[in-house]
Amino acid sequence: MIRLLRSHKEIQFIVLSNIATMALNKRGMFEPYIKSFYINANDAIHIKLLKLEILTSLATESNVSVMIREFQVKHQHI
């Protein structure tokens, strides 16, 4: 599924929607791929929202500081 994120925007949306649903119950399946869900400046708003939903589902005490740093770096470059 992670490989499909590099596909066309329509496929990316469908894949992210499914991952968002699955991440609620199977967090461990997607934790190794957290960087795949980082938000890019050129992502469409609906893609950004899905990625944010996934990142929220995958946030733990051990990885939340890395996520926050990523958001801070992205925010500085926007």
Protein backbone atom coordinates (compact mmCIF):
# COMPACT_ATOMS: atom_id res chain seq x y z
CA MET A 1 0.00 0.00 0.00
CA ILE A 2 2.84 2.38 0.79
CA ARG A 3 4.22 2.03 -2.75
CA LEU A 4 0.85 3.09 -4.14
CA LEU A 5 1.25 6.47 -2.43
CA ARG A 6 3.54 7.43 -5.32
CA SER A 7 0.72 6.85 -7.83
CA HIS A 8 -1.73 9.31 -9.33
CA LYS A 9 -3.52 11.63 -6.93
CA GLU A 10 -6.79 9.71 -7.23
CA ILE A 11 -5.12 6.44 -6.24
CA GLN A 12 -3.18 8.19 -3.50
CA PHE A 13 -6.44 9.47 -2.02
CA ILE A 14 -8.02 6.00 -2.01
CA VAL A 15 -4.92 4.41 -0.49
CA LEU A 16 -4.63 7.08 2.20
CA SER A 17 -8.33 6.71 3.03
CA ASN A 18 -7.88 2.98 3.54
CA ILE A 19 -4.70 3.45 5.56
CA ALA A 20 -6.43 6.03 7.78
CA THR A 21 -9.14 3.50 8.57
CA MET A 22 -6.72 0.62 9.09
CA ALA A 23 -4.30 2.67 11.22
CA LEU A 24 -6.95 3.05 13.90
CA ASN A 25 -6.87 -0.69 14.65
CA LYS A 26 -3.51 -1.84 13.24
CA ARG A 27 -1.16 0.96 14.19
CA GLY A 28 1.91 -1.27 14.22
CA MET A 29 1.44 -2.10 10.56
CA PHE A 30 2.14 1.50 9.52
CA GLU A 31 4.46 2.80 12.25
CA PRO A 32 7.62 1.90 10.28
CA TYR A 33 6.38 4.08 7.41
CA ILE A 34 5.59 7.27 9.32
CA LYS A 35 7.80 9.35 7.01
CA SER A 36 5.59 8.32 4.08
CA PHE A 37 2.77 10.29 5.66
CA TYR A 38 4.66 13.54 6.20
CA ILE A 39 2.84 16.42 4.59
CA ASN A 40 4.34 18.05 1.52
CA ALA A 41 3.68 21.66 0.59
CA ASN A 42 2.39 20.62 -2.83
CA ASP A 43 -0.11 18.08 -1.47
CA ALA A 44 -3.76 18.88 -2.13
CA ILE A 45 -5.72 19.88 0.98
CA HIS A 46 -7.67 16.60 1.09
CA ILE A 47 -4.37 14.66 0.94
CA LYS A 48 -2.89 16.83 3.71
CA LEU A 49 -5.92 16.17 5.91
CA LEU A 50 -5.73 12.40 5.39
CA LYS A 51 -2.01 12.37 6.14
CA LEU A 52 -2.60 14.41 9.29
CA GLU A 53 -5.32 11.96 10.34
CA ILE A 54 -2.93 9.04 9.84
CA LEU A 55 -0.09 10.75 11.68
CA THR A 56 -2.44 11.47 14.56
CA SER A 57 -3.39 7.80 14.71
CA LEU A 58 0.25 6.73 14.67
CA ALA A 59 1.50 9.23 17.26
CA THR A 60 3.05 7.71 20.37
CA GLU A 61 5.16 9.07 23.19
CA SER A 62 8.27 7.80 21.45
CA ASN A 63 7.63 9.27 17.99
CA VAL A 64 5.63 12.44 18.62
CA SER A 65 8.74 14.59 19.12
CA VAL A 66 10.02 13.55 15.66
CA MET A 67 6.66 14.41 14.14
CA ILE A 68 6.60 17.81 15.81
CA ARG A 69 10.10 18.58 14.55
CA GLU A 70 9.01 17.64 11.02
CA PHE A 71 6.04 20.00 11.23
CA GLN A 72 8.27 22.79 12.53
CA VAL A 73 10.80 22.33 9.71
CA LYS A 74 8.06 22.24 7.06
CA HIS A 75 6.41 25.31 8.57
CA GLN A 76 9.67 27.28 8.39
CA HIS A 77 10.01 26.53 4.66
CA ILE A 78 6.46 27.42 3.68
